[in-house]
PDB file of N, CA and C in Angstrom:
ATOM      1  N   MET A   1      42.292  39.013 132.644  1.00  0.00           N
ATOM      2  CA  MET A   1      42.969  40.677 132.415  1.00  0.00           C
ATOM      3  C   MET A   1      41.913  41.418 131.574  1.00  0.00           C
ATOM      4  N   ARG A   2      41.488  40.684 130.757  1.00  0.00           N
ATOM      5  CA  ARG A   2      40.738  41.180 129.872  1.00  0.00           C
ATOM      6  C   ARG A   2      39.347  41.652 129.995  1.00  0.00           C
ATOM      7  N   ALA A   3      38.378  41.042 131.197  1.00  0.00           N
ATOM      8  CA  ALA A   3      37.598  41.992 131.993  1.00  0.00           C
ATOM      9  C   ALA A   3      38.198  43.669 132.421  1.00  0.00           C
ATOM     10  N   LEU A   4      39.483  43.580 132.922  1.00  0.00           N
ATOM     11  CA  LEU A   4      39.562  44.889 133.556  1.00  0.00           C
ATOM     12  C   LEU A   4      39.434  45.992 132.158  1.00  0.00           C
ATOM     13  N   VAL A   5      40.369  44.987 131.321  1.00  0.00           N
ATOM     14  CA  VAL A   5      39.917  46.574 129.678  1.00  0.00           C
ATOM     15  C   VAL A   5      39.037  46.872 129.223  1.00  0.00           C
ATOM     16  N   LEU A   6      38.307  45.562 128.824  1.00  0.00           N
ATOM     17  CA  LEU A   6      37.190  46.308 127.803  1.00  0.00           C
ATOM     18  C   LEU A   6      35.755  46.390 128.778  1.00  0.00           C
ATOM     19  N   PRO A   7      34.820  47.757 128.974  1.00  0.00           N
ATOM     20  CA  PRO A   7      34.167  47.905 129.839  1.00  0.00           C
ATOM     21  C   PRO A   7      32.249  46.938 128.992  1.00  0.00           C
ATOM     22  N   PRO A   8      31.842  46.900 130.308  1.00  0.00           N
ATOM     23  CA  PRO A   8      30.733  45.967 129.813  1.00  0.00           C
ATOM     24  C   PRO A   8      29.875  46.333 128.955  1.00  0.00           C
ATOM     25  N   PRO A   9      29.160  45.459 127.789  1.00  0.00           N
ATOM     26  CA  PRO A   9      28.300  45.985 126.567  1.00  0.00           C
ATOM     27  C   PRO A   9      27.378  46.751 127.301  1.00  0.00           C
ATOM     28  N   VAL A  10      26.988  47.746 126.397  1.00  0.00           N
ATOM     29  CA  VAL A  10      26.066  48.677 126.207  1.00  0.00           C
ATOM     30  C   VAL A  10      24.018  48.131 125.715  1.00  0.00           C
ATOM     31  N   ARG A  11      23.416  48.232 126.968  1.00  0.00           N
ATOM     32  CA  ARG A  11      22.332  47.454 126.070  1.00  0.00           C
ATOM     33  C   ARG A  11      21.137  47.896 126.535  1.00  0.00           C
ATOM     34  N   ASP A  12      21.339  48.967 126.430  1.00  0.00           N
ATOM     35  CA  ASP A  12      19.892  49.909 127.135  1.00  0.00           C
ATOM     36  C   ASP A  12      19.092  50.043 125.955  1.00  0.00           C
ATOM     37  N   ARG A  13      17.811  49.941 125.480  1.00  0.00           N
ATOM     38  CA  ARG A  13      16.651  50.335 124.288  1.00  0.00           C
ATOM     39  C   ARG A  13      17.076  51.212 123.919  1.00  0.00           C
ATOM     40  N   GLU A  14      17.358  51.788 124.153  1.00  0.00           N
ATOM     41  CA  GLU A  14      18.216  53.433 122.892  1.00  0.00           C
ATOM     42  C   GLU A  14      19.364  52.796 121.779  1.00  0.00           C
ATOM     43  N   HIS A  15      20.430  51.856 122.541  1.00  0.00           N
ATOM     44  CA  HIS A  15      21.752  51.656 122.363  1.00  0.00           C
ATOM     45  C   HIS A  15      21.193  50.241 121.497  1.00  0.00           C
ATOM     46  N   VAL A  16      20.077  49.778 121.602  1.00  0.00           N
ATOM     47  CA  VAL A  16      19.925  48.890 120.784  1.00  0.00           C
ATOM     48  C   VAL A  16      18.777  49.295 119.348  1.00  0.00           C
ATOM     49  N   LEU A  17      18.220  50.499 119.639  1.00  0.00           N
ATOM     50  CA  LEU A  17      17.280  50.620 118.628  1.00  0.00           C
ATOM     51  C   LEU A  17      18.328  51.153 117.881  1.00  0.00           C
ATOM     52  N   HIS A  18      19.356  52.554 118.353  1.00  0.00           N
ATOM     53  CA  HIS A  18      20.239  52.890 117.159  1.00  0.00           C
ATOM     54  C   HIS A  18      20.914  51.939 116.727  1.00  0.00           C
ATOM     55  N   TRP A  19      21.733  50.961 117.031  1.00  0.00           N
ATOM     56  CA  TRP A  19      22.290  49.977 116.391  1.00  0.00           C
ATOM     57  C   TRP A  19      21.207  48.673 115.366  1.00  0.00           C
ATOM     58  N   THR A  20      20.287  48.703 115.611  1.00  0.00           N
ATOM     59  CA  THR A  20      19.244  47.669 114.885  1.00  0.00           C
ATOM     60  C   THR A  20      19.768  48.836 113.531  1.00  0.00           C
ATOM     61  N   ALA A  21      18.844  49.749 113.935  1.00  0.00           N
ATOM     62  CA  ALA A  21      18.729  50.504 112.555  1.00  0.00           C
ATOM     63  C   ALA A  21      19.943  51.107 111.615  1.00  0.00           C
ATOM     64  N   TRP A  22      21.259  51.145 112.354  1.00  0.00           N
ATOM     65  CA  TRP A  22      22.137  51.669 111.903  1.00  0.00           C
ATOM     66  C   TRP A  22      22.553  49.669 110.763  1.00  0.00           C
ATOM     67  N   ARG A  23      22.154  48.556 111.468  1.00  0.00           N
ATOM     68  CA  ARG A  23      22.367  47.277 110.428  1.00  0.00           C
ATOM     69  C   ARG A  23      21.679  47.022 109.437  1.00  0.00           C
ATOM     70  N   ARG A  24      21.011  47.318 110.328  1.00  0.00           N
ATOM     71  CA  ARG A  24      19.246  47.738 108.892  1.00  0.00           C
ATOM     72  C   ARG A  24      19.834  48.323 107.377  1.00  0.00           C
ATOM     73  N   HIS A  25      20.351  49.364 107.543  1.00  0.00           N
ATOM     74  CA  HIS A  25      20.915  50.654 106.896  1.00  0.00           C
ATOM     75  C   HIS A  25      22.426  49.815 106.301  1.00  0.00           C
ATOM     76  N   HIS A  26      23.359  49.557 106.968  1.00  0.00           N
ATOM     77  CA  HIS A  26      23.662  48.989 106.249  1.00  0.00           C
ATOM     78  C   HIS A  26      23.995  47.679 105.347  1.00  0.00           C
ATOM     79  N   GLN A  27      23.050  46.657 105.877  1.00  0.00           N
ATOM     80  CA  GLN A  27      23.080  45.535 104.512  1.00  0.00           C
ATOM     81  C   GLN A  27      21.781  45.937 103.903  1.00  0.00           C
ATOM     82  N   ALA A  28      21.277  46.755 103.824  1.00  0.00           N
ATOM     83  CA  ALA A  28      20.252  47.388 102.251  1.00  0.00           C
ATOM     84  C   ALA A  28      21.793  48.085 101.648  1.00  0.00           C
ATOM     85  N   VAL A  29      22.022  49.164 102.165  1.00  0.00           N
ATOM     86  CA  VAL A  29      23.834  49.670 101.232  1.00  0.00           C
ATOM     87  C   VAL A  29      24.111  48.386 100.673  1.00  0.00           C
ATOM     88  N   ALA A  30      24.466  47.777 101.482  1.00  0.00           N
ATOM     89  CA  ALA A  30      25.490  46.738 101.082  1.00  0.00           C
ATOM     90  C   ALA A  30      24.777  45.765 100.070  1.00  0.00           C
ATOM     91  N   THR A  31      23.146  45.547 100.296  1.00  0.00           N
ATOM     92  CA  THR A  31      22.671  44.546  99.161  1.00  0.00           C
ATOM     93  C   THR A  31      22.924  45.431  97.770  1.00  0.00           C
ATOM     94  N   ALA A  32      21.955  46.748  97.999  1.00  0.00           N
ATOM     95  CA  ALA A  32      22.034  47.452  96.611  1.00  0.00           C
ATOM     96  C   ALA A  32      23.202  47.647  95.994  1.00  0.00           C
ATOM     97  N   CYS A  33      24.305  47.409  96.644  1.00  0.00           N
ATOM     98  CA  CYS A  33      26.018  47.677  96.334  1.00  0.00           C
ATOM     99  C   CYS A  33      26.238  46.638  95.392  1.00  0.00           C
ATOM    100  N   HIS A  34      25.820  44.973  95.908  1.00  0.00           N
ATOM    101  CA  HIS A  34      26.075  43.811  95.401  1.00  0.00           C
ATOM    102  C   HIS A  34      25.186  43.742  94.203  1.00  0.00           C
ATOM    103  N   GLN A  35      23.889  44.077  94.050  1.00  0.00           N
ATOM    104  CA  GLN A  35      23.195  43.636  93.000  1.00  0.00           C
ATOM    105  C   GLN A  35      23.517  44.731  91.826  1.00  0.00           C
ATOM    106  N   GLN A  36      24.513  46.006  92.283  1.00  0.00           N
ATOM    107  CA  GLN A  36      24.594  46.789  90.896  1.00  0.00           C
ATOM    108  C   GLN A  36      25.938  46.269  90.141  1.00  0.00           C
ATOM    109  N   ARG A  37      26.704  45.158  91.452  1.00  0.00           N
ATOM    110  CA  ARG A  37      27.774  44.353  90.680  1.00  0.00           C
ATOM    111  C   ARG A  37      27.567  44.026  89.851  1.00  0.00           C
ATOM    112  N   HIS A  38      26.659  43.029  90.296  1.00  0.00           N
ATOM    113  CA  HIS A  38      26.363  41.897  89.298  1.00  0.00           C
ATOM    114  C   HIS A  38      25.445  42.297  88.101  1.00  0.00           C
ATOM    115  N   HIS A  39      24.886  43.522  87.947  1.00  0.00           N
ATOM    116  CA  HIS A  39      24.054  44.015  86.972  1.00  0.00           C
ATOM    117  C   HIS A  39      25.546  44.476  85.593  1.00  0.00           C
ATOM    118  N   ARG A  40      26.886  45.163  86.504  1.00  0.00           N
ATOM    119  CA  ARG A  40      27.165  45.313  85.820  1.00  0.00           C
ATOM    120  C   ARG A  40      27.746  44.771  85.091  1.00  0.00           C
ATOM    121  N   HIS A  41      28.297  43.482  85.807  1.00  0.00           N
ATOM    122  CA  HIS A  41      29.349  42.678  85.152  1.00  0.00           C
ATOM    123  C   HIS A  41      27.774  41.480  84.285  1.00  0.00           C
ATOM    124  N   ASP A  42      26.415  42.122  84.306  1.00  0.00           N
ATOM    125  CA  ASP A  42      25.967  40.618  83.248  1.00  0.00           C
ATOM    126  C   ASP A  42      25.585  41.616  82.122  1.00  0.00           C
ATOM    127  N   GLN A  43      26.117  43.082  81.728  1.00  0.00           N
ATOM    128  CA  GLN A  43      26.231  43.877  81.166  1.00  0.00           C
ATOM    129  C   GLN A  43      27.197  43.381  79.833  1.00  0.00           C
ATOM    130  N   PRO A  44      26.796  43.076  78.326  1.00  0.00           N
ATOM    131  CA  PRO A  44      27.812  42.922  77.454  1.00  0.00           C
ATOM    132  C   PRO A  44      28.652  44.164  77.020  1.00  0.00           C
TER     133      PRO A  44
END
């Protein structure tokens, strides 16, 4: 049943590179946010 609903995953080079760049950007933003939250929490 599930095979009839979901398309096969896209794994061409362009898609993989785009997804990797998006993921790295997202992780960088999340890391910066996390560090800012900790920095604000440590302030008196």
